[in-house]
């Protein structure tokens, strides 16, 4: 029977050994042939191709939630080591990244009493606890004076300019190197937020506009820049975490150049719910957002468990410092 499938390879057992690096495990996951394990390994292969393709503009998209977890450090290192060229995200990413420069978030549990947490001024994001003073309060204290300073220079900013200004504002902070925004500014990696008025950062900008009505966000400037980026690219690839506006903005702009050449997507959403989060990459081919012959993979699972293994493996392959 096996002779009927001449291109097929036998499933191999994973053999764990002491002091084995992440890339060795991922390569064995590819050979193991097992379900999402192989998809994860294929995803790393595609990310490696993207990074070795010198003409490829590498997009990274994600909603905010992983930045409330330890995955913030992985996002930071992707930016710091220039493993991505464009980061498309949500306003909440700014909230979590900026606030955590000065305040800690804490371990919680999915089954905690949310009414009691509310009475104590503690917000729950999954199993992460975020006290009010570690979120809205610290953001107001820090962002309002910065907006005053920015307003004195000019009245309109793109979201990229605002993100870089936030990053630059951290340059004298002791904990600056923990920040995604700081490294994006330092390495000049553009961050675009297509829905900037959502979240605490968005609320702070709205609050500031009540005092300064001529303060404006120039989303069209972001669009002009994204248009130039995709049109000037030899090839493009995207590593997308979850769905929503950050994923859609990434694939939307790439349709104008005929679609992505590489695409890796991590999601927990089912395809049958009709959401963009559930939509697999092959659906984007029908819209021209991903090329028919693109290297692509959908990986079903929780990004917070997959990213440490995937990015550690990728960095080993590329010889990138993880310091």
Protein backbone atom coordinates (compact mmCIF):
# COMPACT_ATOMS: atom_id res chain seq x y z
CA UNK A 1 0.00 0.00 0.00
CA UNK A 2 2.83 2.41 0.85
CA UNK A 3 4.10 2.11 -2.72
CA UNK A 4 0.98 3.91 -3.91
CA UNK A 5 2.24 7.06 -2.14
CA UNK A 6 5.75 7.33 -3.48
CA UNK A 7 6.25 10.90 -2.26
CA UNK A 8 5.08 10.19 1.27
CA UNK A 9 7.49 9.95 4.19
CA UNK A 10 7.11 7.73 7.25
CA UNK A 11 6.02 9.29 10.53
CA UNK A 12 8.98 9.56 12.89
CA UNK A 13 8.91 9.55 16.67
CA UNK A 14 10.09 12.63 18.51
CA UNK A 15 13.12 11.81 20.65
CA UNK A 16 13.82 14.30 23.40
CA UNK A 17 17.38 14.77 24.58
CA UNK A 18 18.94 16.90 27.29
CA UNK A 19 20.21 20.34 26.28
CA UNK A 20 18.34 20.18 23.00
CA UNK A 21 17.57 23.54 21.41
CA UNK A 22 14.15 24.72 20.27
CA UNK A 23 15.03 24.37 16.58
CA UNK A 24 15.89 20.70 17.00
CA UNK A 25 12.47 20.11 18.56
CA UNK A 26 10.70 22.04 15.79
CA UNK A 27 12.52 20.08 13.08
CA UNK A 28 11.46 16.85 14.76
CA UNK A 29 7.89 18.15 14.92
CA UNK A 30 7.99 18.48 11.14
CA UNK A 31 9.14 14.86 10.78
CA UNK A 32 6.59 13.64 13.33
CA UNK A 33 3.74 14.37 10.93
CA UNK A 34 1.37 14.98 13.79
CA UNK A 35 -1.52 17.41 13.43
CA UNK A 36 -0.77 20.97 14.59
CA UNK A 37 2.84 20.06 15.47
CA UNK A 38 3.71 19.74 11.81
CA UNK A 39 1.81 22.93 10.97
CA UNK A 40 3.87 24.81 13.55
CA UNK A 41 7.07 23.46 12.00
CA UNK A 42 5.92 24.41 8.49
CA UNK A 43 5.17 27.88 9.82
CA UNK A 44 8.76 28.27 11.02
CA UNK A 45 10.02 27.08 7.62
CA UNK A 46 7.97 29.81 5.92
CA UNK A 47 9.15 32.47 8.38
CA UNK A 48 12.72 31.43 7.64
CA UNK A 49 12.08 31.76 3.89
CA UNK A 50 10.60 35.22 4.44
CA UNK A 51 13.65 36.35 6.38
CA UNK A 52 16.12 34.92 3.88
CA UNK A 53 14.32 36.55 0.95
CA UNK A 54 16.26 39.81 0.74
CA UNK A 55 13.55 41.55 -1.24
CA UNK A 56 10.73 40.57 1.09
CA UNK A 57 8.90 43.15 3.21
CA UNK A 58 7.86 41.28 6.34
CA UNK A 59 4.57 42.26 7.97
CA UNK A 60 3.65 41.30 11.51
CA UNK A 61 0.09 41.74 12.77
CA UNK A 62 -1.41 41.14 16.18
CA UNK A 63 -4.18 42.36 18.47
CA UNK A 64 -3.25 43.62 21.91
CA UNK A 65 -3.91 40.68 24.24
CA UNK A 66 -0.56 38.85 23.89
CA UNK A 67 1.24 42.05 24.92
CA UNK A 68 -0.41 41.74 28.35
CA UNK A 69 1.48 38.44 28.71
CA UNK A 70 5.12 37.44 28.54
CA UNK A 71 4.82 37.36 24.75
CA UNK A 72 5.47 41.09 24.90
CA UNK A 73 9.14 40.10 25.13
CA UNK A 74 8.89 38.08 21.92
CA UNK A 75 7.23 40.95 20.06
CA UNK A 76 9.95 43.28 21.35
CA UNK A 77 12.70 40.95 20.10
CA UNK A 78 11.09 40.60 16.68
CA UNK A 79 11.29 44.39 16.40
CA UNK A 80 14.68 44.75 18.09
CA UNK A 81 16.30 42.17 15.81
CA UNK A 82 14.53 43.55 12.72
CA UNK A 83 12.87 40.23 11.93
CA UNK A 84 9.81 42.22 10.84
CA UNK A 85 9.62 45.39 8.74
CA UNK A 86 6.07 46.58 9.47
CA UNK A 87 3.96 46.02 12.58
CA UNK A 88 0.18 46.44 12.26
CA UNK A 89 -1.68 46.27 15.55
CA UNK A 90 -4.39 47.75 17.77
CA UNK A 91 -4.52 50.62 20.22
CA UNK A 92 -4.43 48.16 23.12
CA UNK A 93 -0.90 47.11 22.17
CA UNK A 94 0.20 50.64 23.03
CA UNK A 95 -1.76 50.48 26.29
CA UNK A 96 -0.08 47.31 27.53
CA UNK A 97 3.41 48.01 26.25
CA UNK A 98 3.61 51.59 27.51
CA UNK A 99 2.02 50.91 30.89
CA UNK A 100 4.30 47.96 31.62
CA UNK A 101 7.38 50.16 31.37
CA UNK A 102 6.42 51.50 34.83
CA UNK A 103 3.90 49.04 36.26
CA UNK A 104 3.61 45.27 36.59
CA UNK A 105 0.72 43.05 35.56
CA UNK A 106 -0.04 40.02 37.73
CA UNK A 107 -0.96 36.35 37.55
CA UNK A 108 -4.63 35.53 37.96
CA UNK A 109 -7.06 32.78 36.98
CA UNK A 110 -9.85 32.38 34.44
CA UNK A 111 -12.27 31.38 37.22
CA UNK A 112 -11.82 34.37 39.52
CA UNK A 113 -14.82 36.33 40.84
CA UNK A 114 -15.07 39.24 38.43
CA UNK A 115 -17.51 41.18 40.62
CA UNK A 116 -14.99 41.12 43.46
CA UNK A 117 -12.18 42.13 41.12
CA UNK A 118 -14.25 45.08 39.92
CA UNK A 119 -14.85 46.24 43.50
CA UNK A 120 -11.10 46.13 44.12
CA UNK A 121 -10.25 48.07 40.96
CA UNK A 122 -8.63 45.12 39.22
CA UNK A 123 -9.25 44.31 35.56
CA UNK A 124 -8.97 40.71 34.33
CA UNK A 125 -7.70 39.82 30.88
CA UNK A 126 -8.01 36.04 30.72
CA UNK A 127 -5.78 34.89 33.56
CA UNK A 128 -3.82 38.15 33.76
CA UNK A 129 -4.71 40.77 36.38
CA UNK A 130 -4.31 44.47 35.63
CA UNK A 131 -5.00 46.90 38.51
CA UNK A 132 -6.37 50.31 37.53
CA UNK A 133 -3.19 52.05 38.67
CA UNK A 134 -1.22 49.79 36.30
CA UNK A 135 -3.32 50.68 33.28
CA UNK A 136 -5.60 53.71 32.84
CA UNK A 137 -4.11 55.76 35.64
CA UNK A 138 -0.47 55.42 34.64
CA UNK A 139 -1.33 55.95 30.99
CA UNK A 140 -3.13 59.21 31.73
CA UNK A 141 -0.23 60.40 33.89
CA UNK A 142 2.28 59.72 31.12
CA UNK A 143 0.42 60.31 27.87
CA UNK A 144 -1.29 63.66 28.56
CA UNK A 145 2.00 65.56 29.13
CA UNK A 146 3.47 63.90 26.02
CA UNK A 147 0.49 64.97 23.90
CA UNK A 148 0.93 68.54 25.15
CA UNK A 149 4.54 68.44 24.00
CA UNK A 150 3.66 66.95 20.63
CA UNK A 151 0.85 69.46 20.09
CA UNK A 152 3.29 72.32 20.59
CA UNK A 153 5.19 71.03 17.55
CA UNK A 154 2.26 70.32 15.22
CA UNK A 155 -1.43 69.44 15.37
CA UNK A 156 -1.69 66.37 13.11
CA UNK A 157 0.07 63.03 13.49
CA UNK A 158 -0.12 59.68 11.78
CA UNK A 159 -0.33 56.63 14.03
CA UNK A 160 3.23 55.71 13.05
CA UNK A 161 4.43 59.12 14.16
CA UNK A 162 2.56 58.82 17.45
CA UNK A 163 3.99 55.35 18.13
CA UNK A 164 7.51 56.54 17.40
CA UNK A 165 6.97 59.56 19.64
CA UNK A 166 5.87 57.27 22.45
CA UNK A 167 8.96 55.12 21.89
CA UNK A 168 11.28 58.11 21.83
CA UNK A 169 9.74 59.42 25.05
CA UNK A 170 11.10 56.32 26.81
CA UNK A 171 14.76 56.90 25.91
CA UNK A 172 15.69 58.08 29.40
CA UNK A 173 13.63 55.49 31.30
CA UNK A 174 15.48 52.73 33.17
CA UNK A 175 13.12 50.08 31.79
CA UNK A 176 13.05 51.37 28.21
CA UNK A 177 14.56 48.26 26.64
CA UNK A 178 11.58 46.17 27.73
CA UNK A 179 9.34 48.18 25.39
CA UNK A 180 8.16 47.32 21.87
CA UNK A 181 7.52 51.01 21.20
CA UNK A 182 11.05 51.99 22.25
CA UNK A 183 12.68 49.50 19.90
CA UNK A 184 10.32 50.39 17.05
CA UNK A 185 11.46 54.01 17.36
CA UNK A 186 15.12 53.08 17.77
CA UNK A 187 15.14 50.71 14.80
CA UNK A 188 12.69 52.84 12.79
CA UNK A 189 10.23 49.97 12.34
CA UNK A 190 6.83 51.48 11.48
CA UNK A 191 3.86 50.62 13.68
CA UNK A 192 0.42 51.30 12.19
CA UNK A 193 -2.83 51.30 14.18
CA UNK A 194 -5.82 51.33 11.82
CA UNK A 195 -8.29 51.68 14.73
CA UNK A 196 -6.47 54.19 16.95
CA UNK A 197 -9.43 55.51 18.97
CA UNK A 198 -10.11 52.15 20.61
CA UNK A 199 -8.53 51.37 23.99
CA UNK A 200 -6.98 53.54 26.68
CA UNK A 201 -4.48 55.18 24.32
CA UNK A 202 -7.34 56.16 22.03
CA UNK A 203 -9.31 57.52 24.98
CA UNK A 204 -6.35 59.63 26.06
CA UNK A 205 -6.14 61.17 22.60
CA UNK A 206 -9.87 61.86 22.60
CA UNK A 207 -9.58 63.42 26.06
CA UNK A 208 -6.76 65.65 24.85
CA UNK A 209 -8.83 66.70 21.83
CA UNK A 210 -11.46 68.12 24.19
CA UNK A 211 -8.91 70.76 25.17
CA UNK A 212 -7.33 71.05 21.74
CA UNK A 213 -10.05 70.45 19.10
CA UNK A 214 -7.60 70.93 16.24
CA UNK A 215 -5.51 67.94 17.36
CA UNK A 216 -5.98 65.30 14.66
CA UNK A 217 -4.91 61.77 13.72
CA UNK A 218 -3.96 61.51 10.05
CA UNK A 219 -4.91 57.96 9.05
CA UNK A 220 -4.54 58.79 5.36
CA UNK A 221 -0.82 59.43 5.88
CA UNK A 222 -0.51 55.88 7.22
CA UNK A 223 -2.38 54.68 4.12
CA UNK A 224 -0.06 56.55 1.76
CA UNK A 225 2.96 55.01 3.46
CA UNK A 226 1.52 51.50 3.40
CA UNK A 227 0.66 51.90 -0.27
CA UNK A 228 4.26 52.87 -1.03
CA UNK A 229 5.62 49.99 1.06
CA UNK A 230 3.61 47.30 -0.71
CA UNK A 231 4.04 48.78 -4.19
CA UNK A 232 7.81 49.09 -3.83
CA UNK A 233 8.25 45.58 -2.40
CA UNK A 234 9.73 42.79 -4.50
CA UNK A 235 7.83 40.26 -2.36
CA UNK A 236 5.79 40.51 0.84
CA UNK A 237 5.09 38.12 3.69
CA UNK A 238 2.98 38.25 6.82
CA UNK A 239 3.08 36.59 10.22
CA UNK A 240 -0.41 37.15 11.63
CA UNK A 241 -1.53 36.49 15.19
CA UNK A 242 -5.31 36.35 15.57
CA UNK A 243 -7.81 38.20 13.42
CA UNK A 244 -9.70 41.44 13.56
CA UNK A 245 -8.61 44.78 12.18
CA UNK A 246 -4.85 44.15 12.44
CA UNK A 247 -5.04 41.02 10.29
CA UNK A 248 -7.43 42.57 7.81
CA UNK A 249 -5.38 45.74 7.38
CA UNK A 250 -2.36 43.57 6.59
CA UNK A 251 -4.02 41.47 3.90
CA UNK A 252 -6.10 44.38 2.59
CA UNK A 253 -3.13 46.52 1.63
CA UNK A 254 -1.28 43.57 0.14
CA UNK A 255 -4.11 42.86 -2.30
CA UNK A 256 -3.13 45.99 -4.24
CA UNK A 257 0.14 44.35 -5.27
CA UNK A 258 -1.49 41.02 -6.14
CA UNK A 259 -1.37 39.48 -2.68
CA UNK A 260 1.12 38.15 -0.14
CA UNK A 261 3.88 35.80 -1.26
CA UNK A 262 4.19 34.26 2.22
CA UNK A 263 1.60 33.97 5.00
CA UNK A 264 1.66 32.32 8.42
CA UNK A 265 -1.47 32.61 10.53
CA UNK A 266 -2.13 31.53 14.14
CA UNK A 267 -5.77 31.43 15.28
CA UNK A 268 -8.07 29.79 17.81
CA UNK A 269 -11.28 30.67 15.93
CA UNK A 270 -13.33 28.08 14.00
CA UNK A 271 -13.73 28.61 10.28
CA UNK A 272 -17.48 28.15 10.34
CA UNK A 273 -18.21 31.24 12.46
CA UNK A 274 -17.83 33.55 9.45
CA UNK A 275 -15.38 35.87 11.21
CA UNK A 276 -12.09 37.15 9.87
CA UNK A 277 -10.44 35.45 12.85
CA UNK A 278 -11.85 32.14 11.67
CA UNK A 279 -11.13 32.73 7.98
CA UNK A 280 -8.25 30.59 6.77
CA UNK A 281 -5.57 31.97 4.50
CA UNK A 282 -6.91 30.12 1.47
CA UNK A 283 -10.08 32.24 1.72
CA UNK A 284 -7.91 35.33 1.26
CA UNK A 285 -6.71 33.88 -2.05
CA UNK A 286 -10.24 34.33 -3.41
CA UNK A 287 -10.00 38.05 -2.62
CA UNK A 288 -6.55 38.46 -4.15
CA UNK A 289 -5.06 39.22 -0.74
CA UNK A 290 -2.76 36.17 -0.86
CA UNK A 291 -1.23 34.87 -4.08
CA UNK A 292 -2.41 31.54 -5.46
CA UNK A 293 1.10 30.10 -5.26
CA UNK A 294 2.03 31.70 -1.94
CA UNK A 295 3.76 29.67 0.76
CA UNK A 296 1.13 29.68 3.49
CA UNK A 297 -0.06 27.81 6.56
CA UNK A 298 -2.82 28.13 9.16
CA UNK A 299 -1.83 27.04 12.65
CA UNK A 300 -4.68 26.36 15.07
CA UNK A 301 -3.82 27.06 18.68
CA UNK A 302 -2.89 29.57 21.35
CA UNK A 303 -0.18 31.96 20.21
CA UNK A 304 1.19 32.33 23.75
CA UNK A 305 2.20 28.66 23.73
CA UNK A 306 3.40 28.56 20.12
CA UNK A 307 5.35 31.79 19.79
CA UNK A 308 8.17 31.00 22.26
CA UNK A 309 8.98 27.78 20.42
CA UNK A 310 8.51 29.18 16.91
CA UNK A 311 10.52 32.37 17.35
CA UNK A 312 13.27 30.67 19.35
CA UNK A 313 13.62 28.14 16.51
CA UNK A 314 13.62 30.91 13.91
CA UNK A 315 16.28 32.90 15.74
CA UNK A 316 18.47 29.82 16.04
CA UNK A 317 18.27 29.26 12.29
CA UNK A 318 19.04 32.87 11.49
CA UNK A 319 21.81 33.13 14.09
CA UNK A 320 20.01 36.04 15.73
CA UNK A 321 21.03 37.07 19.24
CA UNK A 322 18.31 36.53 21.83
CA UNK A 323 19.86 38.89 24.37
